[in-house]
Amino acid sequence: MQQRVGGLRATSPGWASFDIRPVVDDRVTWGRISHGTVRGLATVEWARTGDQWDVGLQVPAGATARLVLPGGHSRQFGGGSHTFLTDLYRSR
């Protein structure tokens, strides 16, 4: 569930970097997951309405997170709290 719905997946040892790839499934319109890492708590909370995504992130200090949304759109975030709102179109 952490990787599938929440989209959290470590990409380096100790969660120094991780990906956030929210699930793209019309039956799932929101998700919230936290994972305790050696660097602190990694959290993602997202909601999707149509093609609009509202994402909140908590990235532990000293870590980087890459948010990957449908269509290959991605953005990198450093340690701290972040919010991101975007309109994206899914490949069908």
C-alpha atoms as a PDB file:
ATOM      1  CA  MET A   1       0.000   0.000   0.000  1.00  0.00           C
ATOM      2  CA  GLN A   2       2.837   2.393   0.822  1.00  0.00           C
ATOM      3  CA  GLN A   3       4.257   2.064  -2.689  1.00  0.00           C
ATOM      4  CA  ARG A   4       1.062   1.506  -4.666  1.00  0.00           C
ATOM      5  CA  VAL A   5      -1.523   3.956  -3.298  1.00  0.00           C
ATOM      6  CA  GLY A   6       0.677   6.368  -1.354  1.00  0.00           C
ATOM      7  CA  GLY A   7       3.376   6.256  -3.970  1.00  0.00           C
ATOM      8  CA  LEU A   8       6.367   6.315  -1.570  1.00  0.00           C
ATOM      9  CA  ARG A   9       9.424   4.340  -2.697  1.00  0.00           C
ATOM     10  CA  ALA A  10      13.037   4.690  -1.542  1.00  0.00           C
ATOM     11  CA  THR A  11      15.510   5.241  -4.381  1.00  0.00           C
ATOM     12  CA  SER A  12      18.677   5.194  -2.272  1.00  0.00           C
ATOM     13  CA  PRO A  13      19.818   3.651   1.028  1.00  0.00           C
ATOM     14  CA  GLY A  14      18.494   5.236   4.205  1.00  0.00           C
ATOM     15  CA  TRP A  15      15.817   7.099   2.248  1.00  0.00           C
ATOM     16  CA  ALA A  16      18.343   9.783   1.277  1.00  0.00           C
ATOM     17  CA  SER A  17      16.193  10.084  -1.832  1.00  0.00           C
ATOM     18  CA  PHE A  18      12.766   8.740  -2.629  1.00  0.00           C
ATOM     19  CA  ASP A  19      10.091   8.887  -5.290  1.00  0.00           C
ATOM     20  CA  ILE A  20       6.467   9.811  -4.826  1.00  0.00           C
ATOM     21  CA  ARG A  21       4.265   8.369  -7.588  1.00  0.00           C
ATOM     22  CA  PRO A  22       0.577   8.549  -6.648  1.00  0.00           C
ATOM     23  CA  VAL A  23      -1.611   5.787  -8.028  1.00  0.00           C
ATOM     24  CA  VAL A  24      -3.505   6.570 -11.218  1.00  0.00           C
ATOM     25  CA  ASP A  25      -6.802   4.722 -10.876  1.00  0.00           C
ATOM     26  CA  ASP A  26     -10.225   6.301 -11.308  1.00  0.00           C
ATOM     27  CA  ARG A  27     -11.442   4.354  -8.247  1.00  0.00           C
ATOM     28  CA  VAL A  28      -8.841   6.028  -5.989  1.00  0.00           C
ATOM     29  CA  THR A  29      -9.147   9.799  -5.651  1.00  0.00           C
ATOM     30  CA  TRP A  30      -6.976  10.428  -2.588  1.00  0.00           C
ATOM     31  CA  GLY A  31      -4.235   8.884  -0.495  1.00  0.00           C
ATOM     32  CA  ARG A  32      -2.241   9.595   2.651  1.00  0.00           C
ATOM     33  CA  ILE A  33       0.791   7.676   3.865  1.00  0.00           C
ATOM     34  CA  SER A  34       3.713   8.268   6.233  1.00  0.00           C
ATOM     35  CA  HIS A  35       6.890   6.254   6.602  1.00  0.00           C
ATOM     36  CA  GLY A  36       9.426   6.569   9.405  1.00  0.00           C
ATOM     37  CA  THR A  37      12.945   6.751   7.996  1.00  0.00           C
ATOM     38  CA  VAL A  38      16.332   7.127   9.688  1.00  0.00           C
ATOM     39  CA  ARG A  39      16.174  10.794   8.610  1.00  0.00           C
ATOM     40  CA  GLY A  40      12.672  11.442   9.940  1.00  0.00           C
ATOM     41  CA  LEU A  41       9.094  11.089   8.766  1.00  0.00           C
ATOM     42  CA  ALA A  42       8.377  11.007   5.015  1.00  0.00           C
ATOM     43  CA  THR A  43       4.743  11.879   4.342  1.00  0.00           C
ATOM     44  CA  VAL A  44       2.622  12.326   1.266  1.00  0.00           C
ATOM     45  CA  GLU A  45      -1.026  13.335   1.104  1.00  0.00           C
ATOM     46  CA  TRP A  46      -2.706  13.747  -2.260  1.00  0.00           C
ATOM     47  CA  ALA A  47      -6.154  14.247  -3.719  1.00  0.00           C
ATOM     48  CA  ARG A  48      -7.243  14.126  -7.333  1.00  0.00           C
ATOM     49  CA  THR A  49     -10.347  15.714  -8.807  1.00  0.00           C
ATOM     50  CA  GLY A  50     -10.530  14.968 -12.507  1.00  0.00           C
ATOM     51  CA  ASP A  51      -7.102  15.910 -13.799  1.00  0.00           C
ATOM     52  CA  GLN A  52      -6.253  18.289 -10.939  1.00  0.00           C
ATOM     53  CA  TRP A  53      -3.784  17.012  -8.347  1.00  0.00           C
ATOM     54  CA  ASP A  54      -3.313  18.588  -4.903  1.00  0.00           C
ATOM     55  CA  VAL A  55      -0.225  17.154  -3.192  1.00  0.00           C
ATOM     56  CA  GLY A  56       1.245  17.803   0.256  1.00  0.00           C
ATOM     57  CA  LEU A  57       4.702  16.491   1.158  1.00  0.00           C
ATOM     58  CA  GLN A  58       6.895  16.271   4.219  1.00  0.00           C
ATOM     59  CA  VAL A  59      10.484  15.484   3.242  1.00  0.00           C
ATOM     60  CA  PRO A  60      12.946  14.696   6.050  1.00  0.00           C
ATOM     61  CA  ALA A  61      15.934  17.036   6.495  1.00  0.00           C
ATOM     62  CA  GLY A  62      18.873  15.886   4.405  1.00  0.00           C
ATOM     63  CA  ALA A  63      16.652  13.961   1.982  1.00  0.00           C
ATOM     64  CA  THR A  64      15.266  14.726  -1.460  1.00  0.00           C
ATOM     65  CA  ALA A  65      11.964  13.621  -2.931  1.00  0.00           C
ATOM     66  CA  ARG A  66      10.952  13.449  -6.576  1.00  0.00           C
ATOM     67  CA  LEU A  67       7.227  13.844  -7.217  1.00  0.00           C
ATOM     68  CA  VAL A  68       6.256  12.030 -10.423  1.00  0.00           C
ATOM     69  CA  LEU A  69       2.767  12.607 -11.823  1.00  0.00           C
ATOM     70  CA  PRO A  70       1.070  11.164 -14.895  1.00  0.00           C
ATOM     71  CA  GLY A  71       2.537  12.003 -18.249  1.00  0.00           C
ATOM     72  CA  GLY A  72       6.079  11.903 -16.841  1.00  0.00           C
ATOM     73  CA  HIS A  73       5.829  15.307 -15.154  1.00  0.00           C
ATOM     74  CA  SER A  74       8.218  15.444 -12.206  1.00  0.00           C
ATOM     75  CA  ARG A  75       9.562  17.912  -9.686  1.00  0.00           C
ATOM     76  CA  GLN A  76      12.270  17.624  -7.014  1.00  0.00           C
ATOM     77  CA  PHE A  77      11.824  18.757  -3.385  1.00  0.00           C
ATOM     78  CA  GLY A  78      14.346  19.129  -0.554  1.00  0.00           C
ATOM     79  CA  GLY A  79      13.746  18.751   3.167  1.00  0.00           C
ATOM     80  CA  GLY A  80      10.678  20.482   4.606  1.00  0.00           C
ATOM     81  CA  SER A  81       6.938  20.796   4.018  1.00  0.00           C
ATOM     82  CA  HIS A  82       5.704  21.425   0.505  1.00  0.00           C
ATOM     83  CA  THR A  83       2.389  21.758  -1.323  1.00  0.00           C
ATOM     84  CA  PHE A  84       1.860  21.390  -5.031  1.00  0.00           C
ATOM     85  CA  LEU A  85      -1.280  21.933  -7.113  1.00  0.00           C
ATOM     86  CA  THR A  86      -1.402  21.177 -10.806  1.00  0.00           C
ATOM     87  CA  ASP A  87      -3.648  20.246 -13.711  1.00  0.00           C
ATOM     88  CA  LEU A  88      -2.324  17.265 -15.628  1.00  0.00           C
ATOM     89  CA  TYR A  89      -3.765  15.063 -18.270  1.00  0.00           C
ATOM     90  CA  ARG A  90      -3.385  11.327 -18.011  1.00  0.00           C
ATOM     91  CA  SER A  91      -2.426   9.073 -20.873  1.00  0.00           C
ATOM     92  CA  ARG A  92      -5.338   6.784 -21.572  1.00  0.00           C
END
